[in-house]
PDB file of N, CA and C in Angstrom:
ATOM      1  N   MET A   1     -14.368 -12.429  -6.136  1.00  0.00           N
ATOM      2  CA  MET A   1     -13.716 -11.593  -5.264  1.00  0.00           C
ATOM      3  C   MET A   1     -12.083 -12.158  -5.040  1.00  0.00           C
ATOM      4  N   SER A   2     -11.859 -13.383  -5.245  1.00  0.00           N
ATOM      5  CA  SER A   2     -10.574 -13.803  -5.126  1.00  0.00           C
ATOM      6  C   SER A   2      -9.629 -13.581  -6.136  1.00  0.00           C
ATOM      7  N   GLU A   3     -10.221 -13.273  -7.396  1.00  0.00           N
ATOM      8  CA  GLU A   3      -9.474 -12.753  -8.466  1.00  0.00           C
ATOM      9  C   GLU A   3      -8.963 -11.309  -8.220  1.00  0.00           C
ATOM     10  N   VAL A   4      -9.754 -10.584  -7.678  1.00  0.00           N
ATOM     11  CA  VAL A   4      -9.342  -9.242  -7.214  1.00  0.00           C
ATOM     12  C   VAL A   4      -8.173  -9.205  -6.213  1.00  0.00           C
ATOM     13  N   LEU A   5      -8.233 -10.187  -5.207  1.00  0.00           N
ATOM     14  CA  LEU A   5      -7.139 -10.193  -4.428  1.00  0.00           C
ATOM     15  C   LEU A   5      -5.823 -10.648  -5.076  1.00  0.00           C
ATOM     16  N   VAL A   6      -5.989 -11.652  -5.967  1.00  0.00           N
ATOM     17  CA  VAL A   6      -4.721 -11.995  -6.687  1.00  0.00           C
ATOM     18  C   VAL A   6      -4.097 -10.898  -7.535  1.00  0.00           C
ATOM     19  N   VAL A   7      -5.000 -10.090  -8.140  1.00  0.00           N
ATOM     20  CA  VAL A   7      -4.330  -8.842  -8.927  1.00  0.00           C
ATOM     21  C   VAL A   7      -3.755  -7.908  -7.959  1.00  0.00           C
ATOM     22  N   LEU A   8      -4.560  -7.585  -7.028  1.00  0.00           N
ATOM     23  CA  LEU A   8      -3.951  -6.507  -5.854  1.00  0.00           C
ATOM     24  C   LEU A   8      -2.730  -7.073  -5.290  1.00  0.00           C
ATOM     25  N   GLY A   9      -2.625  -8.215  -5.072  1.00  0.00           N
ATOM     26  CA  GLY A   9      -1.400  -8.764  -4.265  1.00  0.00           C
ATOM     27  C   GLY A   9      -0.259  -8.814  -5.317  1.00  0.00           C
ATOM     28  N   SER A  10      -0.614  -9.226  -6.496  1.00  0.00           N
ATOM     29  CA  SER A  10       0.409  -9.235  -7.577  1.00  0.00           C
ATOM     30  C   SER A  10       1.000  -7.860  -7.869  1.00  0.00           C
ATOM     31  N   ALA A  11       0.151  -6.893  -7.952  1.00  0.00           N
ATOM     32  CA  ALA A  11       0.550  -5.404  -8.135  1.00  0.00           C
ATOM     33  C   ALA A  11       1.424  -4.956  -7.023  1.00  0.00           C
ATOM     34  N   LEU A  12       0.921  -5.236  -5.869  1.00  0.00           N
ATOM     35  CA  LEU A  12       1.853  -4.864  -4.644  1.00  0.00           C
ATOM     36  C   LEU A  12       2.997  -5.501  -4.598  1.00  0.00           C
ATOM     37  N   GLY A  13       2.995  -6.854  -4.824  1.00  0.00           N
ATOM     38  CA  GLY A  13       4.231  -7.536  -4.909  1.00  0.00           C
ATOM     39  C   GLY A  13       5.358  -7.050  -5.945  1.00  0.00           C
ATOM     40  N   ALA A  14       4.644  -6.597  -7.128  1.00  0.00           N
ATOM     41  CA  ALA A  14       5.564  -6.097  -8.240  1.00  0.00           C
ATOM     42  C   ALA A  14       6.250  -4.762  -7.705  1.00  0.00           C
ATOM     43  N   ILE A  15       5.582  -3.967  -6.993  1.00  0.00           N
ATOM     44  CA  ILE A  15       6.012  -2.795  -6.598  1.00  0.00           C
ATOM     45  C   ILE A  15       7.137  -3.023  -5.587  1.00  0.00           C
ATOM     46  N   GLY A  16       6.842  -4.010  -4.630  1.00  0.00           N
ATOM     47  CA  GLY A  16       7.918  -4.369  -3.776  1.00  0.00           C
ATOM     48  C   GLY A  16       8.999  -4.953  -4.396  1.00  0.00           C
ATOM     49  N   LEU A  17       9.065  -5.621  -5.458  1.00  0.00           N
ATOM     50  CA  LEU A  17      10.137  -6.137  -6.091  1.00  0.00           C
ATOM     51  C   LEU A  17      10.955  -5.033  -6.778  1.00  0.00           C
ATOM     52  N   PHE A  18      10.223  -3.962  -7.419  1.00  0.00           N
ATOM     53  CA  PHE A  18      10.773  -2.867  -7.831  1.00  0.00           C
ATOM     54  C   PHE A  18      11.670  -2.020  -6.764  1.00  0.00           C
ATOM     55  N   ALA A  19      11.022  -1.812  -5.595  1.00  0.00           N
ATOM     56  CA  ALA A  19      11.671  -1.182  -4.507  1.00  0.00           C
ATOM     57  C   ALA A  19      12.901  -1.971  -4.094  1.00  0.00           C
ATOM     58  N   ILE A  20      12.883  -3.311  -4.128  1.00  0.00           N
ATOM     59  CA  ILE A  20      14.156  -4.017  -3.731  1.00  0.00           C
ATOM     60  C   ILE A  20      15.217  -3.940  -4.887  1.00  0.00           C
ATOM     61  N   ALA A  21      14.767  -4.043  -6.102  1.00  0.00           N
ATOM     62  CA  ALA A  21      15.798  -3.988  -7.100  1.00  0.00           C
ATOM     63  C   ALA A  21      16.312  -2.598  -7.412  1.00  0.00           C
ATOM     64  N   PHE A  22      15.446  -1.592  -7.394  1.00  0.00           N
ATOM     65  CA  PHE A  22      15.775  -0.257  -7.884  1.00  0.00           C
ATOM     66  C   PHE A  22      15.381   0.791  -6.735  1.00  0.00           C
ATOM     67  N   PRO A  23      16.052   0.797  -5.674  1.00  0.00           N
ATOM     68  CA  PRO A  23      15.603   1.693  -4.547  1.00  0.00           C
ATOM     69  C   PRO A  23      15.822   3.150  -4.923  1.00  0.00           C
ATOM     70  N   GLY A  24      16.959   3.385  -5.607  1.00  0.00           N
ATOM     71  CA  GLY A  24      17.341   4.787  -5.919  1.00  0.00           C
ATOM     72  C   GLY A  24      16.284   5.418  -6.953  1.00  0.00           C
ATOM     73  N   ARG A  25      15.856   4.624  -7.787  1.00  0.00           N
ATOM     74  CA  ARG A  25      14.722   5.111  -8.931  1.00  0.00           C
ATOM     75  C   ARG A  25      13.504   5.263  -7.999  1.00  0.00           C
ATOM     76  N   LEU A  26      13.169   4.510  -7.251  1.00  0.00           N
ATOM     77  CA  LEU A  26      11.882   4.673  -6.446  1.00  0.00           C
ATOM     78  C   LEU A  26      11.874   6.081  -5.621  1.00  0.00           C
ATOM     79  N   LEU A  27      13.163   6.258  -4.990  1.00  0.00           N
ATOM     80  CA  LEU A  27      13.286   7.429  -4.221  1.00  0.00           C
ATOM     81  C   LEU A  27      13.279   8.689  -5.082  1.00  0.00           C
ATOM     82  N   GLY A  28      13.798   8.568  -6.402  1.00  0.00           N
ATOM     83  CA  GLY A  28      13.586   9.635  -7.342  1.00  0.00           C
ATOM     84  C   GLY A  28      12.260   9.878  -7.770  1.00  0.00           C
ATOM     85  N   VAL A  29      11.429   8.925  -7.809  1.00  0.00           N
ATOM     86  CA  VAL A  29       9.933   9.073  -8.076  1.00  0.00           C
ATOM     87  C   VAL A  29       9.224   9.689  -6.925  1.00  0.00           C
ATOM     88  N   VAL A  30       9.616   9.210  -5.765  1.00  0.00           N
ATOM     89  CA  VAL A  30       8.927   9.761  -4.591  1.00  0.00           C
ATOM     90  C   VAL A  30       9.285  11.403  -4.565  1.00  0.00           C
ATOM     91  N   ALA A  31      10.462  11.632  -4.760  1.00  0.00           N
ATOM     92  CA  ALA A  31      10.978  13.191  -4.508  1.00  0.00           C
ATOM     93  C   ALA A  31      10.150  13.937  -5.579  1.00  0.00           C
ATOM     94  N   LEU A  32       9.650  13.417  -6.611  1.00  0.00           N
ATOM     95  CA  LEU A  32       8.927  14.223  -7.572  1.00  0.00           C
ATOM     96  C   LEU A  32       7.527  14.415  -7.198  1.00  0.00           C
ATOM     97  N   ILE A  33       6.930  13.779  -6.318  1.00  0.00           N
ATOM     98  CA  ILE A  33       5.491  13.759  -5.846  1.00  0.00           C
ATOM     99  C   ILE A  33       5.331  15.224  -5.193  1.00  0.00           C
ATOM    100  N   THR A  34       4.244  15.869  -5.659  1.00  0.00           N
ATOM    101  CA  THR A  34       3.660  16.951  -4.928  1.00  0.00           C
ATOM    102  C   THR A  34       2.294  16.855  -4.580  1.00  0.00           C
ATOM    103  N   VAL A  35       2.044  16.902  -3.291  1.00  0.00           N
ATOM    104  CA  VAL A  35       0.689  16.508  -2.634  1.00  0.00           C
ATOM    105  C   VAL A  35      -0.203  17.725  -2.920  1.00  0.00           C
ATOM    106  N   THR A  36      -1.386  17.391  -3.724  1.00  0.00           N
ATOM    107  CA  THR A  36      -2.482  18.189  -3.847  1.00  0.00           C
ATOM    108  C   THR A  36      -3.632  17.536  -3.305  1.00  0.00           C
ATOM    109  N   THR A  37      -4.717  18.252  -3.228  1.00  0.00           N
ATOM    110  CA  THR A  37      -5.866  17.788  -2.634  1.00  0.00           C
ATOM    111  C   THR A  37      -6.500  16.705  -3.554  1.00  0.00           C
ATOM    112  N   PRO A  38      -6.519  16.906  -4.870  1.00  0.00           N
ATOM    113  CA  PRO A  38      -7.115  15.727  -5.616  1.00  0.00           C
ATOM    114  C   PRO A  38      -6.292  14.422  -5.401  1.00  0.00           C
ATOM    115  N   LEU A  39      -5.008  14.526  -5.400  1.00  0.00           N
ATOM    116  CA  LEU A  39      -4.109  13.304  -5.251  1.00  0.00           C
ATOM    117  C   LEU A  39      -4.352  12.703  -3.882  1.00  0.00           C
ATOM    118  N   ARG A  40      -4.458  13.484  -2.815  1.00  0.00           N
ATOM    119  CA  ARG A  40      -4.836  13.088  -1.388  1.00  0.00           C
ATOM    120  C   ARG A  40      -6.169  12.441  -1.460  1.00  0.00           C
ATOM    121  N   LEU A  41      -7.144  12.911  -2.190  1.00  0.00           N
ATOM    122  CA  LEU A  41      -8.398  12.353  -2.001  1.00  0.00           C
ATOM    123  C   LEU A  41      -8.372  10.933  -2.852  1.00  0.00           C
ATOM    124  N   PHE A  42      -7.769  11.048  -3.917  1.00  0.00           N
ATOM    125  CA  PHE A  42      -7.654   9.835  -4.806  1.00  0.00           C
ATOM    126  C   PHE A  42      -6.888   8.601  -4.096  1.00  0.00           C
ATOM    127  N   ALA A  43      -5.737   9.102  -3.398  1.00  0.00           N
ATOM    128  CA  ALA A  43      -4.984   7.942  -2.594  1.00  0.00           C
ATOM    129  C   ALA A  43      -5.868   7.468  -1.422  1.00  0.00           C
ATOM    130  N   SER A  44      -6.678   8.421  -0.837  1.00  0.00           N
ATOM    131  CA  SER A  44      -7.506   7.826   0.211  1.00  0.00           C
ATOM    132  C   SER A  44      -8.653   6.965  -0.255  1.00  0.00           C
ATOM    133  N   ALA A  45      -9.355   7.340  -1.324  1.00  0.00           N
ATOM    134  CA  ALA A  45     -10.282   6.531  -1.998  1.00  0.00           C
ATOM    135  C   ALA A  45      -9.698   5.105  -2.299  1.00  0.00           C
ATOM    136  N   VAL A  46      -8.540   5.079  -2.904  1.00  0.00           N
ATOM    137  CA  VAL A  46      -7.959   3.866  -3.304  1.00  0.00           C
ATOM    138  C   VAL A  46      -7.773   2.978  -2.061  1.00  0.00           C
ATOM    139  N   ARG A  47      -7.248   3.613  -0.965  1.00  0.00           N
ATOM    140  CA  ARG A  47      -6.936   2.769   0.165  1.00  0.00           C
ATOM    141  C   ARG A  47      -8.294   2.176   0.835  1.00  0.00           C
ATOM    142  N   VAL A  48      -9.322   3.112   0.860  1.00  0.00           N
ATOM    143  CA  VAL A  48     -10.530   2.646   1.448  1.00  0.00           C
ATOM    144  C   VAL A  48     -11.203   1.630   0.483  1.00  0.00           C
ATOM    145  N   LEU A  49     -11.076   1.609  -0.724  1.00  0.00           N
ATOM    146  CA  LEU A  49     -11.645   0.764  -1.681  1.00  0.00           C
ATOM    147  C   LEU A  49     -10.902  -0.692  -1.552  1.00  0.00           C
ATOM    148  N   VAL A  50      -9.646  -0.583  -1.511  1.00  0.00           N
ATOM    149  CA  VAL A  50      -8.808  -1.830  -1.414  1.00  0.00           C
ATOM    150  C   VAL A  50      -9.021  -2.443  -0.138  1.00  0.00           C
ATOM    151  N   GLY A  51      -9.076  -1.546   1.099  1.00  0.00           N
ATOM    152  CA  GLY A  51      -9.400  -2.094   2.366  1.00  0.00           C
ATOM    153  C   GLY A  51     -10.951  -2.922   2.328  1.00  0.00           C
ATOM    154  N   GLY A  52     -11.866  -2.220   1.641  1.00  0.00           N
ATOM    155  CA  GLY A  52     -13.117  -2.839   1.693  1.00  0.00           C
ATOM    156  C   GLY A  52     -13.101  -4.180   0.991  1.00  0.00           C
ATOM    157  N   VAL A  53     -12.289  -4.256  -0.247  1.00  0.00           N
ATOM    158  CA  VAL A  53     -12.293  -5.489  -0.976  1.00  0.00           C
ATOM    159  C   VAL A  53     -11.625  -6.626  -0.181  1.00  0.00           C
ATOM    160  N   VAL A  54     -10.447  -6.154   0.618  1.00  0.00           N
ATOM    161  CA  VAL A  54      -9.887  -7.126   1.498  1.00  0.00           C
ATOM    162  C   VAL A  54     -10.840  -7.642   2.573  1.00  0.00           C
ATOM    163  N   LEU A  55     -11.562  -6.675   3.092  1.00  0.00           N
ATOM    164  CA  LEU A  55     -12.408  -6.973   4.214  1.00  0.00           C
ATOM    165  C   LEU A  55     -13.592  -7.939   3.784  1.00  0.00           C
ATOM    166  N   ILE A  56     -14.114  -7.674   2.630  1.00  0.00           N
ATOM    167  CA  ILE A  56     -15.134  -8.437   1.983  1.00  0.00           C
ATOM    168  C   ILE A  56     -14.607  -9.974   1.748  1.00  0.00           C
ATOM    169  N   ALA A  57     -13.473  -9.925   1.008  1.00  0.00           N
ATOM    170  CA  ALA A  57     -12.825 -11.263   0.645  1.00  0.00           C
ATOM    171  C   ALA A  57     -12.429 -11.917   1.904  1.00  0.00           C
ATOM    172  N   SER A  58     -12.272 -11.394   3.130  1.00  0.00           N
ATOM    173  CA  SER A  58     -11.695 -12.087   4.213  1.00  0.00           C
ATOM    174  C   SER A  58     -12.596 -13.271   4.800  1.00  0.00           C
ATOM    175  N   ASP A  59     -13.769 -13.484   4.269  1.00  0.00           N
ATOM    176  CA  ASP A  59     -14.538 -14.578   4.657  1.00  0.00           C
ATOM    177  C   ASP A  59     -14.101 -15.801   4.074  1.00  0.00           C
ATOM    178  N   SER A  60     -13.659 -15.612   2.714  1.00  0.00           N
ATOM    179  CA  SER A  60     -13.199 -16.870   2.030  1.00  0.00           C
ATOM    180  C   SER A  60     -11.710 -17.087   1.972  1.00  0.00           C
ATOM    181  N   ALA A  61     -11.056 -16.204   2.818  1.00  0.00           N
ATOM    182  CA  ALA A  61      -9.554 -16.442   2.861  1.00  0.00           C
ATOM    183  C   ALA A  61      -9.258 -17.549   3.794  1.00  0.00           C
ATOM    184  N   PRO A  62      -7.943 -17.975   3.717  1.00  0.00           N
ATOM    185  CA  PRO A  62      -7.582 -19.147   4.520  1.00  0.00           C
ATOM    186  C   PRO A  62      -7.239 -18.654   6.008  1.00  0.00           C
ATOM    187  N   CYS A  63      -7.043 -17.433   6.214  1.00  0.00           N
ATOM    188  CA  CYS A  63      -6.787 -16.862   7.417  1.00  0.00           C
ATOM    189  C   CYS A  63      -7.618 -15.414   7.587  1.00  0.00           C
ATOM    190  N   PRO A  64      -8.993 -15.699   7.771  1.00  0.00           N
ATOM    191  CA  PRO A  64      -9.800 -14.543   7.781  1.00  0.00           C
ATOM    192  C   PRO A  64      -9.560 -13.398   8.846  1.00  0.00           C
ATOM    193  N   VAL A  65      -8.870 -13.768  10.049  1.00  0.00           N
ATOM    194  CA  VAL A  65      -8.764 -12.742  10.983  1.00  0.00           C
ATOM    195  C   VAL A  65      -7.549 -11.747  10.455  1.00  0.00           C
ATOM    196  N   ALA A  66      -6.589 -12.337   9.816  1.00  0.00           N
ATOM    197  CA  ALA A  66      -5.452 -11.601   9.371  1.00  0.00           C
ATOM    198  C   ALA A  66      -6.070 -10.718   8.218  1.00  0.00           C
ATOM    199  N   PHE A  67      -6.823 -11.104   7.394  1.00  0.00           N
ATOM    200  CA  PHE A  67      -7.369 -10.339   6.259  1.00  0.00           C
ATOM    201  C   PHE A  67      -8.381  -9.221   6.843  1.00  0.00           C
ATOM    202  N   ARG A  68      -9.031  -9.468   7.940  1.00  0.00           N
ATOM    203  CA  ARG A  68      -9.999  -8.462   8.611  1.00  0.00           C
ATOM    204  C   ARG A  68      -9.037  -7.460   9.105  1.00  0.00           C
ATOM    205  N   VAL A  69      -7.973  -7.743   9.754  1.00  0.00           N
ATOM    206  CA  VAL A  69      -7.185  -6.820  10.258  1.00  0.00           C
ATOM    207  C   VAL A  69      -6.503  -5.881   9.251  1.00  0.00           C
ATOM    208  N   VAL A  70      -6.093  -6.495   8.056  1.00  0.00           N
ATOM    209  CA  VAL A  70      -5.423  -5.683   7.064  1.00  0.00           C
ATOM    210  C   VAL A  70      -6.492  -4.875   6.571  1.00  0.00           C
ATOM    211  N   GLY A  71      -7.668  -5.346   6.221  1.00  0.00           N
ATOM    212  CA  GLY A  71      -8.777  -4.428   5.779  1.00  0.00           C
ATOM    213  C   GLY A  71      -9.058  -3.376   6.407  1.00  0.00           C
ATOM    214  N   ILE A  72      -9.129  -3.549   7.883  1.00  0.00           N
ATOM    215  CA  ILE A  72      -9.472  -2.377   8.655  1.00  0.00           C
ATOM    216  C   ILE A  72      -8.432  -1.469   8.829  1.00  0.00           C
ATOM    217  N   ALA A  73      -7.141  -1.932   8.705  1.00  0.00           N
ATOM    218  CA  ALA A  73      -5.964  -1.101   8.718  1.00  0.00           C
ATOM    219  C   ALA A  73      -5.907  -0.197   7.457  1.00  0.00           C
ATOM    220  N   LEU A  74      -6.264  -0.734   6.362  1.00  0.00           N
ATOM    221  CA  LEU A  74      -6.311   0.070   5.102  1.00  0.00           C
ATOM    222  C   LEU A  74      -7.325   1.033   5.098  1.00  0.00           C
ATOM    223  N   ILE A  75      -8.572   0.706   5.532  1.00  0.00           N
ATOM    224  CA  ILE A  75      -9.560   1.792   5.671  1.00  0.00           C
ATOM    225  C   ILE A  75      -9.177   2.897   6.638  1.00  0.00           C
ATOM    226  N   GLY A  76      -8.581   2.405   7.723  1.00  0.00           N
ATOM    227  CA  GLY A  76      -8.191   3.494   8.802  1.00  0.00           C
ATOM    228  C   GLY A  76      -7.097   4.373   8.120  1.00  0.00           C
ATOM    229  N   THR A  77      -6.127   3.971   7.462  1.00  0.00           N
ATOM    230  CA  THR A  77      -5.115   4.791   6.805  1.00  0.00           C
ATOM    231  C   THR A  77      -5.757   5.575   5.812  1.00  0.00           C
ATOM    232  N   GLY A  78      -6.756   5.124   5.146  1.00  0.00           N
ATOM    233  CA  GLY A  78      -7.478   6.111   4.083  1.00  0.00           C
ATOM    234  C   GLY A  78      -8.144   7.175   4.709  1.00  0.00           C
ATOM    235  N   ALA A  79      -8.798   6.792   5.886  1.00  0.00           N
ATOM    236  CA  ALA A  79      -9.476   7.861   6.663  1.00  0.00           C
ATOM    237  C   ALA A  79      -8.620   8.954   7.196  1.00  0.00           C
ATOM    238  N   PHE A  80      -7.431   8.388   7.611  1.00  0.00           N
ATOM    239  CA  PHE A  80      -6.301   9.208   8.304  1.00  0.00           C
ATOM    240  C   PHE A  80      -5.802  10.175   7.310  1.00  0.00           C
ATOM    241  N   ALA A  81      -5.634   9.805   5.989  1.00  0.00           N
ATOM    242  CA  ALA A  81      -5.099  10.728   4.991  1.00  0.00           C
ATOM    243  C   ALA A  81      -6.161  11.896   4.802  1.00  0.00           C
ATOM    244  N   LEU A  82      -7.412  11.611   4.903  1.00  0.00           N
ATOM    245  CA  LEU A  82      -8.353  12.588   4.751  1.00  0.00           C
ATOM    246  C   LEU A  82      -8.343  13.597   5.690  1.00  0.00           C
ATOM    247  N   LEU A  83      -7.829  13.361   7.022  1.00  0.00           N
ATOM    248  CA  LEU A  83      -7.853  14.101   8.058  1.00  0.00           C
ATOM    249  C   LEU A  83      -6.500  14.907   8.056  1.00  0.00           C
ATOM    250  N   VAL A  84      -5.484  14.670   7.563  1.00  0.00           N
ATOM    251  CA  VAL A  84      -4.150  15.299   7.529  1.00  0.00           C
ATOM    252  C   VAL A  84      -4.088  16.260   6.386  1.00  0.00           C
ATOM    253  N   SER A  85      -3.515  17.323   6.698  1.00  0.00           N
ATOM    254  CA  SER A  85      -3.322  18.541   5.770  1.00  0.00           C
ATOM    255  C   SER A  85      -2.281  18.182   4.532  1.00  0.00           C
ATOM    256  N   ASN A  86      -2.491  18.782   3.478  1.00  0.00           N
ATOM    257  CA  ASN A  86      -1.585  18.646   2.389  1.00  0.00           C
ATOM    258  C   ASN A  86      -0.109  18.916   2.780  1.00  0.00           C
ATOM    259  N   ALA A  87       0.031  19.914   3.631  1.00  0.00           N
ATOM    260  CA  ALA A  87       1.510  20.325   3.963  1.00  0.00           C
ATOM    261  C   ALA A  87       2.085  19.294   4.806  1.00  0.00           C
ATOM    262  N   ARG A  88       1.246  18.680   5.659  1.00  0.00           N
ATOM    263  CA  ARG A  88       1.879  17.503   6.581  1.00  0.00           C
ATOM    264  C   ARG A  88       2.129  16.345   5.632  1.00  0.00           C
ATOM    265  N   LEU A  89       1.288  16.008   4.738  1.00  0.00           N
ATOM    266  CA  LEU A  89       1.615  14.839   3.931  1.00  0.00           C
ATOM    267  C   LEU A  89       2.834  15.155   2.976  1.00  0.00           C
ATOM    268  N   GLN A  90       2.958  16.352   2.630  1.00  0.00           N
ATOM    269  CA  GLN A  90       4.011  16.730   1.942  1.00  0.00           C
ATOM    270  C   GLN A  90       5.463  16.608   2.534  1.00  0.00           C
ATOM    271  N   SER A  91       5.301  16.983   3.925  1.00  0.00           N
ATOM    272  CA  SER A  91       6.451  16.794   4.681  1.00  0.00           C
ATOM    273  C   SER A  91       6.756  15.322   4.859  1.00  0.00           C
ATOM    274  N   MET A  92       5.763  14.452   4.878  1.00  0.00           N
ATOM    275  CA  MET A  92       6.052  12.988   5.138  1.00  0.00           C
ATOM    276  C   MET A  92       6.672  12.469   3.647  1.00  0.00           C
ATOM    277  N   VAL A  93       6.274  12.903   2.635  1.00  0.00           N
ATOM    278  CA  VAL A  93       6.774  12.575   1.349  1.00  0.00           C
ATOM    279  C   VAL A  93       8.164  13.085   1.215  1.00  0.00           C
ATOM    280  N   ASN A  94       8.474  14.301   1.654  1.00  0.00           N
ATOM    281  CA  ASN A  94       9.828  14.762   1.557  1.00  0.00           C
ATOM    282  C   ASN A  94      10.801  13.920   2.487  1.00  0.00           C
ATOM    283  N   TRP A  95      10.220  13.491   3.754  1.00  0.00           N
ATOM    284  CA  TRP A  95      10.965  12.544   4.555  1.00  0.00           C
ATOM    285  C   TRP A  95      11.254  11.141   3.927  1.00  0.00           C
ATOM    286  N   ALA A  96      10.307  10.696   3.294  1.00  0.00           N
ATOM    287  CA  ALA A  96      10.434   9.453   2.719  1.00  0.00           C
ATOM    288  C   ALA A  96      11.380   9.408   1.581  1.00  0.00           C
ATOM    289  N   SER A  97      11.504  10.631   0.747  1.00  0.00           N
ATOM    290  CA  SER A  97      12.457  10.717  -0.389  1.00  0.00           C
ATOM    291  C   SER A  97      13.805  10.748   0.107  1.00  0.00           C
ATOM    292  N   GLN A  98      14.013  10.997   1.378  1.00  0.00           N
ATOM    293  CA  GLN A  98      15.522  11.207   1.850  1.00  0.00           C
ATOM    294  C   GLN A  98      15.992   9.866   2.663  1.00  0.00           C
ATOM    295  N   LEU A  99      15.102   8.828   2.529  1.00  0.00           N
ATOM    296  CA  LEU A  99      15.485   7.527   3.220  1.00  0.00           C
ATOM    297  C   LEU A  99      16.770   6.842   2.569  1.00  0.00           C
ATOM    298  N   ASP A 100      17.426   6.062   3.505  1.00  0.00           N
ATOM    299  CA  ASP A 100      18.514   5.419   2.879  1.00  0.00           C
ATOM    300  C   ASP A 100      17.984   4.310   1.992  1.00  0.00           C
ATOM    301  N   THR A 101      18.643   3.867   1.129  1.00  0.00           N
ATOM    302  CA  THR A 101      18.280   2.736   0.132  1.00  0.00           C
ATOM    303  C   THR A 101      18.072   1.458   0.858  1.00  0.00           C
ATOM    304  N   ARG A 102      18.766   1.222   2.026  1.00  0.00           N
ATOM    305  CA  ARG A 102      18.446   0.043   2.808  1.00  0.00           C
ATOM    306  C   ARG A 102      17.105  -0.025   3.334  1.00  0.00           C
ATOM    307  N   ALA A 103      16.589   1.128   3.726  1.00  0.00           N
ATOM    308  CA  ALA A 103      15.287   1.287   4.410  1.00  0.00           C
ATOM    309  C   ALA A 103      14.310   0.986   3.265  1.00  0.00           C
ATOM    310  N   VAL A 104      14.661   1.501   2.022  1.00  0.00           N
ATOM    311  CA  VAL A 104      13.602   1.347   1.000  1.00  0.00           C
ATOM    312  C   VAL A 104      13.566  -0.188   0.562  1.00  0.00           C
ATOM    313  N   ARG A 105      14.529  -0.827   0.698  1.00  0.00           N
ATOM    314  CA  ARG A 105      14.701  -2.224   0.307  1.00  0.00           C
ATOM    315  C   ARG A 105      13.880  -3.098   1.419  1.00  0.00           C
ATOM    316  N   VAL A 106      13.976  -2.693   2.683  1.00  0.00           N
ATOM    317  CA  VAL A 106      13.195  -3.307   3.706  1.00  0.00           C
ATOM    318  C   VAL A 106      11.706  -3.089   3.597  1.00  0.00           C
ATOM    319  N   GLY A 107      11.413  -1.735   3.163  1.00  0.00           N
ATOM    320  CA  GLY A 107      10.041  -1.630   2.838  1.00  0.00           C
ATOM    321  C   GLY A 107       9.403  -2.358   1.645  1.00  0.00           C
ATOM    322  N   GLY A 108      10.213  -2.443   0.707  1.00  0.00           N
ATOM    323  CA  GLY A 108      10.031  -3.316  -0.542  1.00  0.00           C
ATOM    324  C   GLY A 108       9.818  -4.754  -0.164  1.00  0.00           C
ATOM    325  N   ALA A 109      10.589  -5.353   0.791  1.00  0.00           N
ATOM    326  CA  ALA A 109      10.345  -6.654   1.203  1.00  0.00           C
ATOM    327  C   ALA A 109       9.080  -6.739   1.888  1.00  0.00           C
ATOM    328  N   VAL A 110       8.686  -5.849   2.755  1.00  0.00           N
ATOM    329  CA  VAL A 110       7.429  -5.887   3.418  1.00  0.00           C
ATOM    330  C   VAL A 110       6.302  -5.839   2.423  1.00  0.00           C
ATOM    331  N   GLY A 111       6.384  -4.941   1.457  1.00  0.00           N
ATOM    332  CA  GLY A 111       5.315  -4.871   0.369  1.00  0.00           C
ATOM    333  C   GLY A 111       5.203  -6.179  -0.390  1.00  0.00           C
ATOM    334  N   LEU A 112       6.426  -6.700  -0.612  1.00  0.00           N
ATOM    335  CA  LEU A 112       6.446  -8.053  -1.499  1.00  0.00           C
ATOM    336  C   LEU A 112       5.617  -9.064  -0.713  1.00  0.00           C
ATOM    337  N   LEU A 113       6.033  -9.216   0.757  1.00  0.00           N
ATOM    338  CA  LEU A 113       5.329 -10.244   1.491  1.00  0.00           C
ATOM    339  C   LEU A 113       3.882  -9.873   1.766  1.00  0.00           C
ATOM    340  N   PHE A 114       3.618  -8.642   1.890  1.00  0.00           N
ATOM    341  CA  PHE A 114       2.139  -8.320   2.006  1.00  0.00           C
ATOM    342  C   PHE A 114       1.326  -8.614   0.703  1.00  0.00           C
ATOM    343  N   GLY A 115       1.934  -8.406  -0.501  1.00  0.00           N
ATOM    344  CA  GLY A 115       1.384  -8.725  -1.786  1.00  0.00           C
ATOM    345  C   GLY A 115       1.284 -10.204  -1.942  1.00  0.00           C
ATOM    346  N   LEU A 116       2.330 -10.935  -1.446  1.00  0.00           N
ATOM    347  CA  LEU A 116       2.147 -12.497  -1.455  1.00  0.00           C
ATOM    348  C   LEU A 116       1.015 -12.929  -0.574  1.00  0.00           C
ATOM    349  N   LEU A 117       0.917 -12.372   0.492  1.00  0.00           N
ATOM    350  CA  LEU A 117      -0.271 -12.821   1.393  1.00  0.00           C
ATOM    351  C   LEU A 117      -1.460 -12.530   0.696  1.00  0.00           C
ATOM    352  N   LEU A 118      -1.803 -11.363   0.131  1.00  0.00           N
ATOM    353  CA  LEU A 118      -3.024 -11.065  -0.565  1.00  0.00           C
ATOM    354  C   LEU A 118      -3.171 -12.203  -1.677  1.00  0.00           C
ATOM    355  N   ALA A 119      -2.180 -12.306  -2.556  1.00  0.00           N
ATOM    356  CA  ALA A 119      -2.355 -13.130  -3.793  1.00  0.00           C
ATOM    357  C   ALA A 119      -2.609 -14.588  -3.282  1.00  0.00           C
ATOM    358  N   CYS A 120      -1.988 -15.054  -2.227  1.00  0.00           N
ATOM    359  CA  CYS A 120      -2.107 -16.435  -1.788  1.00  0.00           C
ATOM    360  C   CYS A 120      -3.475 -16.561  -1.206  1.00  0.00           C
ATOM    361  N   GLY A 121      -3.875 -15.539  -0.541  1.00  0.00           N
ATOM    362  CA  GLY A 121      -5.349 -15.562   0.019  1.00  0.00           C
ATOM    363  C   GLY A 121      -6.288 -15.681  -1.049  1.00  0.00           C
ATOM    364  N   GLY A 122      -6.060 -15.103  -2.183  1.00  0.00           N
ATOM    365  CA  GLY A 122      -7.082 -15.122  -3.254  1.00  0.00           C
ATOM    366  C   GLY A 122      -6.962 -16.447  -4.022  1.00  0.00           C
ATOM    367  N   LEU A 123      -5.728 -17.120  -3.868  1.00  0.00           N
ATOM    368  CA  LEU A 123      -5.610 -18.358  -4.719  1.00  0.00           C
ATOM    369  C   LEU A 123      -6.169 -19.580  -3.888  1.00  0.00           C
ATOM    370  N   LEU A 124      -6.162 -19.459  -2.545  1.00  0.00           N
ATOM    371  CA  LEU A 124      -6.514 -20.655  -1.671  1.00  0.00           C
ATOM    372  C   LEU A 124      -7.978 -20.517  -1.362  1.00  0.00           C
TER     373      LEU A 124
END
């Protein structure tokens, strides 16, 4: 299970680095997203699965409480996305595509740190 955490953390960290280095390109990609029911269901399933993996791996992590909180939060956001309509999620995507590049860089830094937390938790 620790290998899965390292892979997930590395992927999230890479996305965070991309957001820090190329915020304009990331905003362009976000602007192209059209929310559909299959996309919403897929994104929810991915969040719930990743949250479950983090929750299961929390027992062997160096800080299990933090990993449990993160796992439960991911499962909760996955469930939340199932309850929100496509129109509401599309309005959130449209809002996110109009953010300032500084806000995108801050979000990228948060993603990078979160990815490092997961990867380090899988390595230790």
